[in-house]
Amino acid sequence: MSGLGDLSMAWVEAEAAMPLGWRLMALVRDADGDGWLATAAGPLDGQTVHGRAGQPDQALRLLADELRRIRGPVTG
């Protein structure tokens, strides 16, 4: 089981990875109860992305990876 510190850091990582207009929606046990599902929603209706893993912090980190792919490179 992941600790609260790991979970907090993964949540912040997912928040930082989000493209403009996206928001974190949920972190829940998946339907079969064997893992966790992290979900973010985009600005368009029905636009969602998910991260699924055995631990909640892992699900958030996978979600962050997907969000970074959508966002693309950040230059400043």
Protein backbone atom coordinates (compact mmCIF):
# COMPACT_ATOMS: atom_id res chain seq x y z
CA MET A 1 0.00 0.00 0.00
CA SER A 2 1.32 3.42 -0.89
CA GLY A 3 1.73 6.05 1.78
CA LEU A 4 -0.06 9.37 2.02
CA GLY A 5 3.11 11.21 1.01
CA ASP A 6 3.40 9.16 -2.20
CA LEU A 7 -0.25 9.76 -2.96
CA SER A 8 0.06 13.51 -2.36
CA MET A 9 3.12 13.77 -4.60
CA ALA A 10 1.40 11.77 -7.36
CA TRP A 11 -1.69 14.02 -7.14
CA VAL A 12 0.49 17.14 -7.50
CA GLU A 13 2.31 15.52 -10.44
CA ALA A 14 -1.01 14.82 -12.18
CA GLU A 15 -2.23 18.38 -11.52
CA ALA A 16 0.99 19.80 -12.98
CA ALA A 17 0.72 17.62 -16.10
CA MET A 18 -2.75 18.81 -17.08
CA PRO A 19 -3.30 20.75 -20.27
CA LEU A 20 -5.15 24.06 -20.03
CA GLY A 21 -8.85 23.53 -19.33
CA TRP A 22 -8.49 20.01 -17.90
CA ARG A 23 -9.32 18.97 -14.32
CA LEU A 24 -8.84 15.92 -12.10
CA MET A 25 -12.18 14.23 -11.59
CA ALA A 26 -11.73 11.09 -9.53
CA LEU A 27 -9.48 8.53 -7.93
CA VAL A 28 -11.55 5.43 -7.20
CA ARG A 29 -11.25 1.67 -6.89
CA ASP A 30 -11.91 0.13 -10.29
CA ALA A 31 -15.04 -1.95 -10.87
CA ASP A 32 -13.42 -5.31 -10.09
CA GLY A 33 -11.84 -3.98 -6.88
CA ASP A 34 -8.35 -5.12 -7.85
CA GLY A 35 -6.90 -1.71 -8.67
CA TRP A 36 -7.38 2.02 -8.88
CA LEU A 37 -8.67 4.32 -11.60
CA ALA A 38 -7.64 7.98 -11.85
CA THR A 39 -9.67 10.16 -14.22
CA ALA A 40 -9.24 13.63 -15.68
CA ALA A 41 -11.77 15.48 -17.84
CA GLY A 42 -11.05 17.87 -20.67
CA PRO A 43 -12.85 21.01 -21.74
CA LEU A 44 -14.91 19.18 -24.40
CA ASP A 45 -17.96 17.07 -23.47
CA GLY A 46 -17.04 13.44 -23.01
CA GLN A 47 -13.29 14.11 -23.19
CA THR A 48 -11.66 11.97 -20.49
CA VAL A 49 -8.37 10.26 -19.87
CA HIS A 50 -7.58 7.54 -17.33
CA GLY A 51 -4.73 5.92 -15.47
CA ARG A 52 -5.29 2.43 -14.06
CA ALA A 53 -2.91 0.60 -11.71
CA GLY A 54 -2.73 -1.58 -8.61
CA GLN A 55 -1.95 1.34 -6.27
CA PRO A 56 -3.60 4.78 -6.19
CA ASP A 57 -0.32 6.70 -6.59
CA GLN A 58 0.61 4.55 -9.59
CA ALA A 59 -2.77 5.24 -11.21
CA LEU A 60 -2.22 8.98 -10.77
CA ARG A 61 1.27 8.77 -12.25
CA LEU A 62 -0.02 6.88 -15.29
CA LEU A 63 -2.73 9.51 -15.65
CA ALA A 64 -0.04 12.21 -15.50
CA ASP A 65 1.85 10.44 -18.31
CA GLU A 66 -1.29 10.46 -20.49
CA LEU A 67 -1.96 14.12 -19.72
CA ARG A 68 1.60 15.08 -20.66
CA ARG A 69 1.13 13.32 -24.02
CA ILE A 70 -2.02 15.35 -24.66
CA ARG A 71 -0.45 18.60 -23.48
CA GLY A 72 2.70 18.18 -25.55
CA PRO A 73 6.02 19.88 -24.90
CA VAL A 74 6.14 22.87 -22.59
CA THR A 75 8.47 25.64 -23.59
CA GLY A 76 8.73 28.99 -22.08
